[in-house]
C-alpha atoms as a PDB file:
ATOM      1  CA  MET A   1     110.242  74.489 107.721  1.00  0.00           C
ATOM      2  CA  ASN A   2     111.710  71.456 105.964  1.00  0.00           C
ATOM      3  CA  GLN A   3     113.226  70.651 102.586  1.00  0.00           C
ATOM      4  CA  ASP A   4     109.787  69.684 101.225  1.00  0.00           C
ATOM      5  CA  THR A   5     108.280  73.102 102.008  1.00  0.00           C
ATOM      6  CA  THR A   6     107.614  75.087  98.838  1.00  0.00           C
ATOM      7  CA  PRO A   7     107.655  78.897  98.490  1.00  0.00           C
ATOM      8  CA  HIS A   8     103.883  78.729  98.011  1.00  0.00           C
ATOM      9  CA  ASP A   9     103.525  76.921 101.343  1.00  0.00           C
ATOM     10  CA  VAL A  10     105.671  79.540 103.053  1.00  0.00           C
ATOM     11  CA  SER A  11     103.620  82.392 101.633  1.00  0.00           C
ATOM     12  CA  LYS A  12     100.458  80.918 103.163  1.00  0.00           C
ATOM     13  CA  THR A  13     101.856  79.916 106.536  1.00  0.00           C
ATOM     14  CA  ARG A  14     100.341  81.703 109.524  1.00  0.00           C
ATOM     15  CA  VAL A  15     101.500  82.164 113.092  1.00  0.00           C
ATOM     16  CA  VAL A  16     101.012  79.060 115.268  1.00  0.00           C
ATOM     17  CA  TYR A  17      99.085  81.160 117.833  1.00  0.00           C
ATOM     18  CA  ALA A  18      95.624  82.573 117.209  1.00  0.00           C
ATOM     19  CA  MET A  19      93.169  84.839 119.016  1.00  0.00           C
ATOM     20  CA  PRO A  20      89.364  84.584 118.731  1.00  0.00           C
ATOM     21  CA  THR A  21      88.989  88.265 117.853  1.00  0.00           C
ATOM     22  CA  SER A  22      91.539  88.254 114.999  1.00  0.00           C
ATOM     23  CA  ASP A  23      88.805  87.862 112.389  1.00  0.00           C
ATOM     24  CA  ALA A  24      87.041  90.986 113.719  1.00  0.00           C
ATOM     25  CA  VAL A  25      90.052  93.205 113.007  1.00  0.00           C
ATOM     26  CA  ARG A  26      89.336  96.019 110.533  1.00  0.00           C
ATOM     27  CA  ILE A  27      91.807  96.588 107.699  1.00  0.00           C
ATOM     28  CA  ARG A  28      92.459  99.695 105.633  1.00  0.00           C
ATOM     29  CA  ARG A  29      94.239  98.248 102.650  1.00  0.00           C
ATOM     30  CA  ASP A  30      96.722  99.756 100.215  1.00  0.00           C
ATOM     31  CA  GLN A  31      97.109 103.182 101.782  1.00  0.00           C
ATOM     32  CA  GLU A  32      99.752 104.940  99.648  1.00  0.00           C
ATOM     33  CA  TYR A  33     102.679 106.178 101.674  1.00  0.00           C
ATOM     34  CA  ARG A  34     105.163 106.989  98.921  1.00  0.00           C
ATOM     35  CA  VAL A  35     105.122 107.436  95.152  1.00  0.00           C
ATOM     36  CA  THR A  36     108.248 106.574  93.206  1.00  0.00           C
ATOM     37  CA  ASP A  37     109.175 106.582  89.527  1.00  0.00           C
ATOM     38  CA  ALA A  38     108.393 102.857  89.533  1.00  0.00           C
ATOM     39  CA  GLY A  39     104.947 103.365  91.040  1.00  0.00           C
ATOM     40  CA  ALA A  40     103.216 103.764  94.377  1.00  0.00           C
ATOM     41  CA  LEU A  41     104.172 102.013  97.589  1.00  0.00           C
ATOM     42  CA  ALA A  42     101.366 101.154  99.966  1.00  0.00           C
ATOM     43  CA  MET A  43     100.695  99.954 103.475  1.00  0.00           C
ATOM     44  CA  ASP A  44      97.899  97.996 105.135  1.00  0.00           C
ATOM     45  CA  VAL A  45      96.609  99.355 108.431  1.00  0.00           C
ATOM     46  CA  TYR A  46      94.957  96.899 110.845  1.00  0.00           C
ATOM     47  CA  TYR A  47      92.678  98.338 113.548  1.00  0.00           C
ATOM     48  CA  PRO A  48      91.487  96.740 116.793  1.00  0.00           C
ATOM     49  CA  PRO A  49      87.914  95.436 116.616  1.00  0.00           C
ATOM     50  CA  ASP A  50      86.695  98.004 119.138  1.00  0.00           C
ATOM     51  CA  ALA A  51      88.656 100.972 117.725  1.00  0.00           C
ATOM     52  CA  SER A  52      86.540 104.089 117.258  1.00  0.00           C
ATOM     53  CA  GLY A  53      87.205 106.894 114.796  1.00  0.00           C
ATOM     54  CA  GLY A  54      88.923 109.915 116.243  1.00  0.00           C
ATOM     55  CA  SER A  55      90.796 108.065 118.984  1.00  0.00           C
ATOM     56  CA  ARG A  56      94.585 107.893 118.777  1.00  0.00           C
ATOM     57  CA  THR A  57      95.884 104.335 119.201  1.00  0.00           C
ATOM     58  CA  PRO A  58      99.531 103.240 119.486  1.00  0.00           C
ATOM     59  CA  ALA A  59     100.863 101.404 116.454  1.00  0.00           C
ATOM     60  CA  VAL A  60     103.242  98.535 115.657  1.00  0.00           C
ATOM     61  CA  ILE A  61     105.152  98.680 112.371  1.00  0.00           C
ATOM     62  CA  PHE A  62     106.228  95.299 110.987  1.00  0.00           C
ATOM     63  CA  VAL A  63     109.641  96.112 109.549  1.00  0.00           C
ATOM     64  CA  THR A  64     110.936  94.270 106.489  1.00  0.00           C
ATOM     65  CA  GLY A  65     114.487  94.176 105.201  1.00  0.00           C
ATOM     66  CA  PHE A  66     113.942  92.326 101.913  1.00  0.00           C
ATOM     67  CA  SER A  67     112.753  93.992  98.718  1.00  0.00           C
ATOM     68  CA  ASP A  68     109.298  92.989  97.477  1.00  0.00           C
ATOM     69  CA  VAL A  69     110.795  92.627  94.009  1.00  0.00           C
ATOM     70  CA  GLY A  70     112.518  89.496  95.234  1.00  0.00           C
ATOM     71  CA  ALA A  71     109.586  88.474  97.443  1.00  0.00           C
ATOM     72  CA  ARG A  72     107.160  88.488  94.534  1.00  0.00           C
ATOM     73  CA  ARG A  73     109.609  86.502  92.442  1.00  0.00           C
ATOM     74  CA  MET A  74     110.078  83.880  95.182  1.00  0.00           C
ATOM     75  CA  PHE A  75     106.689  83.771  96.933  1.00  0.00           C
ATOM     76  CA  GLY A  76     104.312  85.215  94.343  1.00  0.00           C
ATOM     77  CA  CYS A  77     103.243  88.112  96.572  1.00  0.00           C
ATOM     78  CA  ALA A  78     104.524  91.099  98.517  1.00  0.00           C
ATOM     79  CA  MET A  79     105.741  90.369 102.010  1.00  0.00           C
ATOM     80  CA  LYS A  80     102.810  92.257 103.550  1.00  0.00           C
ATOM     81  CA  ASP A  81     100.437  89.788 101.875  1.00  0.00           C
ATOM     82  CA  MET A  82     102.158  86.680 103.191  1.00  0.00           C
ATOM     83  CA  GLY A  83     100.260  84.670 105.769  1.00  0.00           C
ATOM     84  CA  SER A  84     102.933  85.360 108.395  1.00  0.00           C
ATOM     85  CA  TYR A  85     102.609  89.138 108.206  1.00  0.00           C
ATOM     86  CA  VAL A  86      98.815  89.112 107.867  1.00  0.00           C
ATOM     87  CA  SER A  87      98.399  86.878 110.933  1.00  0.00           C
ATOM     88  CA  TRP A  88     100.960  88.782 113.021  1.00  0.00           C
ATOM     89  CA  ALA A  89      99.250  92.081 112.156  1.00  0.00           C
ATOM     90  CA  GLN A  90      95.884  90.574 113.079  1.00  0.00           C
ATOM     91  CA  LEU A  91      97.272  89.437 116.416  1.00  0.00           C
ATOM     92  CA  ALA A  92      98.675  92.879 117.215  1.00  0.00           C
ATOM     93  CA  ALA A  93      95.401  94.563 116.277  1.00  0.00           C
ATOM     94  CA  ALA A  94      93.360  92.022 118.239  1.00  0.00           C
ATOM     95  CA  SER A  95      95.621  92.890 121.194  1.00  0.00           C
ATOM     96  CA  GLY A  96      94.525  96.537 121.069  1.00  0.00           C
ATOM     97  CA  MET A  97      97.168  98.151 118.849  1.00  0.00           C
ATOM     98  CA  VAL A  98      97.126  99.401 115.280  1.00  0.00           C
ATOM     99  CA  ALA A  99      99.342  97.196 113.080  1.00  0.00           C
ATOM    100  CA  ILE A 100     101.062  98.360 109.896  1.00  0.00           C
ATOM    101  CA  THR A 101     102.550  96.247 107.102  1.00  0.00           C
ATOM    102  CA  TYR A 102     103.873  97.723 103.885  1.00  0.00           C
ATOM    103  CA  THR A 103     105.311  97.131 100.428  1.00  0.00           C
ATOM    104  CA  ASN A 104     108.853  98.235  99.626  1.00  0.00           C
ATOM    105  CA  ARG A 105     111.400  98.418  96.853  1.00  0.00           C
ATOM    106  CA  GLU A 106     114.325  99.893  98.795  1.00  0.00           C
ATOM    107  CA  PRO A 107     113.943  98.409 102.272  1.00  0.00           C
ATOM    108  CA  ALA A 108     116.810 100.398 103.812  1.00  0.00           C
ATOM    109  CA  THR A 109     114.969 103.655 103.145  1.00  0.00           C
ATOM    110  CA  ASP A 110     111.308 102.721 102.668  1.00  0.00           C
ATOM    111  CA  VAL A 111     110.809 101.864 106.329  1.00  0.00           C
ATOM    112  CA  HIS A 112     111.769 105.437 107.208  1.00  0.00           C
ATOM    113  CA  ALA A 113     109.287 106.725 104.624  1.00  0.00           C
ATOM    114  CA  VAL A 114     106.571 104.622 106.280  1.00  0.00           C
ATOM    115  CA  LEU A 115     107.468 106.014 109.671  1.00  0.00           C
ATOM    116  CA  GLN A 116     107.453 109.578 108.357  1.00  0.00           C
ATOM    117  CA  TYR A 117     104.088 109.085 106.633  1.00  0.00           C
ATOM    118  CA  VAL A 118     102.506 107.545 109.716  1.00  0.00           C
ATOM    119  CA  ARG A 119     103.695 110.336 111.983  1.00  0.00           C
ATOM    120  CA  HIS A 120     102.700 113.134 109.586  1.00  0.00           C
ATOM    121  CA  ASN A 121      99.265 111.596 108.951  1.00  0.00           C
ATOM    122  CA  ALA A 122      98.591 110.275 112.425  1.00  0.00           C
ATOM    123  CA  ALA A 123      95.323 112.178 112.850  1.00  0.00           C
ATOM    124  CA  SER A 124      93.698 110.761 109.727  1.00  0.00           C
ATOM    125  CA  LEU A 125      95.060 107.300 110.545  1.00  0.00           C
ATOM    126  CA  ASP A 126      93.832 107.458 114.168  1.00  0.00           C
ATOM    127  CA  ILE A 127      97.333 106.682 115.389  1.00  0.00           C
ATOM    128  CA  ASP A 128      99.296 108.041 118.337  1.00  0.00           C
ATOM    129  CA  GLU A 129     102.403 109.235 116.510  1.00  0.00           C
ATOM    130  CA  ASN A 130     104.444 109.300 119.723  1.00  0.00           C
ATOM    131  CA  ARG A 131     103.738 105.694 120.747  1.00  0.00           C
ATOM    132  CA  ILE A 132     105.121 103.435 118.031  1.00  0.00           C
ATOM    133  CA  GLY A 133     106.553  99.944 118.387  1.00  0.00           C
ATOM    134  CA  LEU A 134     108.588  97.897 115.946  1.00  0.00           C
ATOM    135  CA  TRP A 135     108.405  94.166 115.219  1.00  0.00           C
ATOM    136  CA  SER A 136     110.965  92.445 113.042  1.00  0.00           C
ATOM    137  CA  CYS A 137     112.468  89.009 112.537  1.00  0.00           C
ATOM    138  CA  SER A 138     115.286  87.119 110.829  1.00  0.00           C
ATOM    139  CA  GLY A 139     117.096  89.108 108.114  1.00  0.00           C
ATOM    140  CA  ASN A 140     114.653  91.966 108.544  1.00  0.00           C
ATOM    141  CA  VAL A 141     116.109  92.950 111.919  1.00  0.00           C
ATOM    142  CA  PRO A 142     118.976  95.162 110.637  1.00  0.00           C
ATOM    143  CA  ALA A 143     116.393  97.419 109.006  1.00  0.00           C
ATOM    144  CA  ALA A 144     114.578  97.733 112.353  1.00  0.00           C
ATOM    145  CA  LEU A 145     117.865  98.502 114.111  1.00  0.00           C
ATOM    146  CA  SER A 146     118.438 101.352 111.662  1.00  0.00           C
ATOM    147  CA  VAL A 147     115.189 102.924 112.884  1.00  0.00           C
ATOM    148  CA  LEU A 148     116.240 102.534 116.508  1.00  0.00           C
ATOM    149  CA  MET A 149     119.549 104.242 115.736  1.00  0.00           C
ATOM    150  CA  ARG A 150     117.922 107.418 114.423  1.00  0.00           C
ATOM    151  CA  LYS A 151     118.850 110.336 116.647  1.00  0.00           C
ATOM    152  CA  ASP A 152     115.208 111.193 117.278  1.00  0.00           C
ATOM    153  CA  ALA A 153     113.946 107.601 117.745  1.00  0.00           C
ATOM    154  CA  SER A 154     113.456 107.888 121.501  1.00  0.00           C
ATOM    155  CA  ALA A 155     110.862 110.631 120.952  1.00  0.00           C
ATOM    156  CA  TYR A 156     108.354 108.256 119.377  1.00  0.00           C
ATOM    157  CA  VAL A 157     109.604 104.635 119.335  1.00  0.00           C
ATOM    158  CA  ARG A 158     108.567 103.031 122.603  1.00  0.00           C
ATOM    159  CA  CYS A 159     109.809  99.467 122.107  1.00  0.00           C
ATOM    160  CA  ALA A 160     110.939  96.857 119.616  1.00  0.00           C
ATOM    161  CA  VAL A 161     110.512  93.094 119.280  1.00  0.00           C
ATOM    162  CA  LEU A 162     113.439  91.469 117.451  1.00  0.00           C
ATOM    163  CA  SER A 163     112.818  87.784 116.841  1.00  0.00           C
ATOM    164  CA  TYR A 164     115.431  85.188 115.804  1.00  0.00           C
ATOM    165  CA  GLY A 165     117.236  87.953 113.948  1.00  0.00           C
ATOM    166  CA  TYR A 166     120.540  88.807 112.438  1.00  0.00           C
ATOM    167  CA  THR A 167     121.711  91.917 114.310  1.00  0.00           C
ATOM    168  CA  LEU A 168     125.117  93.612 114.181  1.00  0.00           C
ATOM    169  CA  ASP A 169     128.645  92.475 113.436  1.00  0.00           C
ATOM    170  CA  ALA A 170     131.102  93.185 116.218  1.00  0.00           C
ATOM    171  CA  ASP A 171     134.766  92.627 117.079  1.00  0.00           C
ATOM    172  CA  GLY A 172     135.728  92.031 113.480  1.00  0.00           C
ATOM    173  CA  ALA A 173     133.045  89.396 112.852  1.00  0.00           C
ATOM    174  CA  THR A 174     131.327  89.285 109.460  1.00  0.00           C
ATOM    175  CA  GLY A 175     128.372  86.918 110.080  1.00  0.00           C
ATOM    176  CA  VAL A 176     125.655  89.505 109.430  1.00  0.00           C
ATOM    177  CA  ALA A 177     127.390  90.950 106.374  1.00  0.00           C
ATOM    178  CA  ASP A 178     127.962  87.477 104.937  1.00  0.00           C
ATOM    179  CA  ALA A 179     124.314  86.496 105.514  1.00  0.00           C
ATOM    180  CA  ALA A 180     123.102  89.741 103.946  1.00  0.00           C
ATOM    181  CA  GLY A 181     125.134  88.963 100.852  1.00  0.00           C
ATOM    182  CA  GLN A 182     123.904  85.369 100.747  1.00  0.00           C
ATOM    183  CA  PHE A 183     120.203  85.930 101.435  1.00  0.00           C
ATOM    184  CA  GLY A 184     119.670  89.448 100.074  1.00  0.00           C
ATOM    185  CA  PHE A 185     118.533  91.459 103.052  1.00  0.00           C
ATOM    186  CA  VAL A 186     119.761  95.006 103.642  1.00  0.00           C
ATOM    187  CA  ASN A 187     122.346  95.759 106.298  1.00  0.00           C
ATOM    188  CA  PRO A 188     122.075  99.507 106.847  1.00  0.00           C
ATOM    189  CA  CYS A 189     123.791  99.351 110.247  1.00  0.00           C
ATOM    190  CA  ALA A 190     127.082  98.000 108.910  1.00  0.00           C
ATOM    191  CA  GLY A 191     129.900  99.643 110.791  1.00  0.00           C
ATOM    192  CA  GLN A 192     127.750 100.581 113.771  1.00  0.00           C
ATOM    193  CA  SER A 193     127.635  98.933 117.162  1.00  0.00           C
ATOM    194  CA  VAL A 194     125.421  98.203 120.148  1.00  0.00           C
ATOM    195  CA  GLU A 195     126.741 101.405 121.693  1.00  0.00           C
ATOM    196  CA  ASP A 196     124.848 103.331 118.996  1.00  0.00           C
ATOM    197  CA  LEU A 197     121.479 102.076 120.264  1.00  0.00           C
ATOM    198  CA  PRO A 198     119.424 104.320 122.540  1.00  0.00           C
ATOM    199  CA  ARG A 199     119.425 103.421 126.239  1.00  0.00           C
ATOM    200  CA  ASP A 200     115.730 104.077 126.800  1.00  0.00           C
ATOM    201  CA  ILE A 201     113.926 101.930 124.224  1.00  0.00           C
ATOM    202  CA  PRO A 202     113.040  98.476 125.616  1.00  0.00           C
ATOM    203  CA  LEU A 203     113.982  95.537 123.410  1.00  0.00           C
ATOM    204  CA  PHE A 204     112.469  92.044 123.371  1.00  0.00           C
ATOM    205  CA  LEU A 205     114.885  89.525 121.909  1.00  0.00           C
ATOM    206  CA  ALA A 206     113.624  86.060 120.986  1.00  0.00           C
ATOM    207  CA  ARG A 207     116.310  83.447 120.414  1.00  0.00           C
ATOM    208  CA  ALA A 208     115.758  80.096 118.699  1.00  0.00           C
ATOM    209  CA  GLY A 209     118.040  77.576 120.348  1.00  0.00           C
ATOM    210  CA  HIS A 210     118.058  75.305 117.295  1.00  0.00           C
ATOM    211  CA  ASP A 211     118.345  78.088 114.764  1.00  0.00           C
ATOM    212  CA  GLU A 212     119.848  76.622 111.628  1.00  0.00           C
ATOM    213  CA  MET A 213     120.680  79.893 109.872  1.00  0.00           C
ATOM    214  CA  PRO A 214     124.471  80.290 109.415  1.00  0.00           C
ATOM    215  CA  ARG A 215     126.111  82.143 112.292  1.00  0.00           C
ATOM    216  CA  LEU A 216     122.847  83.787 113.357  1.00  0.00           C
ATOM    217  CA  ASN A 217     122.999  82.748 116.989  1.00  0.00           C
ATOM    218  CA  GLU A 218     126.703  83.501 117.072  1.00  0.00           C
ATOM    219  CA  THR A 219     126.017  87.123 116.165  1.00  0.00           C
ATOM    220  CA  LEU A 220     122.862  87.307 118.280  1.00  0.00           C
ATOM    221  CA  ASP A 221     124.635  86.001 121.389  1.00  0.00           C
ATOM    222  CA  ARG A 222     127.389  88.582 120.942  1.00  0.00           C
ATOM    223  CA  PHE A 223     124.725  91.297 120.512  1.00  0.00           C
ATOM    224  CA  ILE A 224     122.959  90.199 123.724  1.00  0.00           C
ATOM    225  CA  ALA A 225     126.187  90.147 125.716  1.00  0.00           C
ATOM    226  CA  LYS A 226     127.156  93.625 124.568  1.00  0.00           C
ATOM    227  CA  GLY A 227     123.636  94.912 125.140  1.00  0.00           C
ATOM    228  CA  LEU A 228     123.722  93.694 128.725  1.00  0.00           C
ATOM    229  CA  ALA A 229     127.190  95.180 129.197  1.00  0.00           C
ATOM    230  CA  CYS A 230     125.702  98.529 128.101  1.00  0.00           C
ATOM    231  CA  ASN A 231     122.765  97.946 130.457  1.00  0.00           C
ATOM    232  CA  LEU A 232     120.218  98.208 127.663  1.00  0.00           C
ATOM    233  CA  PRO A 233     116.608  97.464 128.728  1.00  0.00           C
ATOM    234  CA  VAL A 234     116.604  93.975 127.217  1.00  0.00           C
ATOM    235  CA  THR A 235     114.072  91.175 127.700  1.00  0.00           C
ATOM    236  CA  LEU A 236     115.427  87.870 126.430  1.00  0.00           C
ATOM    237  CA  VAL A 237     113.469  84.705 125.782  1.00  0.00           C
ATOM    238  CA  ASN A 238     115.416  81.641 124.656  1.00  0.00           C
ATOM    239  CA  HIS A 239     113.210  79.062 122.937  1.00  0.00           C
ATOM    240  CA  ALA A 240     115.665  76.244 123.583  1.00  0.00           C
ATOM    241  CA  ASN A 241     114.042  73.749 121.216  1.00  0.00           C
ATOM    242  CA  GLY A 242     112.885  76.283 118.651  1.00  0.00           C
ATOM    243  CA  PRO A 243     114.119  76.346 115.051  1.00  0.00           C
ATOM    244  CA  HIS A 244     114.361  79.471 112.928  1.00  0.00           C
ATOM    245  CA  ALA A 245     110.865  80.938 112.402  1.00  0.00           C
ATOM    246  CA  PHE A 246     109.481  78.872 115.270  1.00  0.00           C
ATOM    247  CA  ASP A 247     106.428  81.154 115.376  1.00  0.00           C
ATOM    248  CA  LEU A 248     105.436  79.729 111.971  1.00  0.00           C
ATOM    249  CA  PHE A 249     106.852  76.211 111.796  1.00  0.00           C
ATOM    250  CA  HIS A 250     107.132  74.863 115.340  1.00  0.00           C
ATOM    251  CA  GLU A 251     103.701  73.768 116.605  1.00  0.00           C
ATOM    252  CA  SER A 252     104.233  73.687 120.359  1.00  0.00           C
ATOM    253  CA  GLU A 253     102.910  75.334 123.489  1.00  0.00           C
ATOM    254  CA  THR A 254     106.346  76.885 123.992  1.00  0.00           C
ATOM    255  CA  SER A 255     106.186  78.581 120.582  1.00  0.00           C
ATOM    256  CA  ARG A 256     102.720  79.893 121.371  1.00  0.00           C
ATOM    257  CA  GLU A 257     103.851  81.121 124.765  1.00  0.00           C
ATOM    258  CA  VAL A 258     106.751  83.063 123.213  1.00  0.00           C
ATOM    259  CA  VAL A 259     104.277  84.712 120.797  1.00  0.00           C
ATOM    260  CA  ARG A 260     102.014  85.603 123.725  1.00  0.00           C
ATOM    261  CA  ARG A 261     104.979  87.123 125.535  1.00  0.00           C
ATOM    262  CA  MET A 262     105.873  89.245 122.508  1.00  0.00           C
ATOM    263  CA  LEU A 263     102.337  90.588 122.345  1.00  0.00           C
ATOM    264  CA  ALA A 264     102.305  91.212 126.099  1.00  0.00           C
ATOM    265  CA  PHE A 265     105.605  93.129 125.788  1.00  0.00           C
ATOM    266  CA  LEU A 266     104.130  95.336 123.052  1.00  0.00           C
ATOM    267  CA  ARG A 267     100.956  95.945 125.067  1.00  0.00           C
ATOM    268  CA  PHE A 268     102.898  96.818 128.228  1.00  0.00           C
ATOM    269  CA  ASN A 269     105.135  99.355 126.485  1.00  0.00           C
ATOM    270  CA  LEU A 270     102.552 100.875 124.135  1.00  0.00           C
ATOM    271  CA  LEU A 271      99.256 100.715 126.015  1.00  0.00           C
ATOM    272  CA  SER A 272     100.248 101.064 129.663  1.00  0.00           C
END
């Protein structure tokens, strides 16, 4: 992304990697998962092309940490309708998993409402409620970490992909908190640490070596070091030449390979 990129351009940008079967993915749009005083919140459910009714398929939830109130103001659409989320969900579904994107107003709590709805309605959604993966990026990652830190997460969350993300402040640092205040994402894990993460949920961490977001890699590197010290099941890929959001704005075979590796990680942990 450069200084000439407009919000409209960003809203239409798709992942730099594509699969031939992405267009054959079936989508159940605007499934209500929660009704609030301000109206209904909905999710889109993407199914693999060969999915058959009645079969339970593992699912990937694409976790967001920004309110759609701000997203609509900036991009003209909800985050789930942005080209990035649509194309990522298509890739996950084309890879054999159900993919879920959703609208939100209170991102710190709405992701948990999505998870609860999916698990309680798994039969009608044709989803395996005990094989769920998370995918999150950038300032959305703290919301995903809050799911991983639930006491019962290990019973149904099988893995998480965290890409070029703000994570946790540690050792008195304030990089994540400062970025949350500057950019407007939620930080529900403030005050918690890597030690609060479960030891049995595999994590895929993608790092952008040329990430330009303030103090992001500083906090991510500290998170990685502490995760390894705790012997967490971490897979790390460092895209040495990648900028922030390389999966959208860095047309290279390396970017595409990192995307392929994310999908392979999800398949291995959810479909094996």
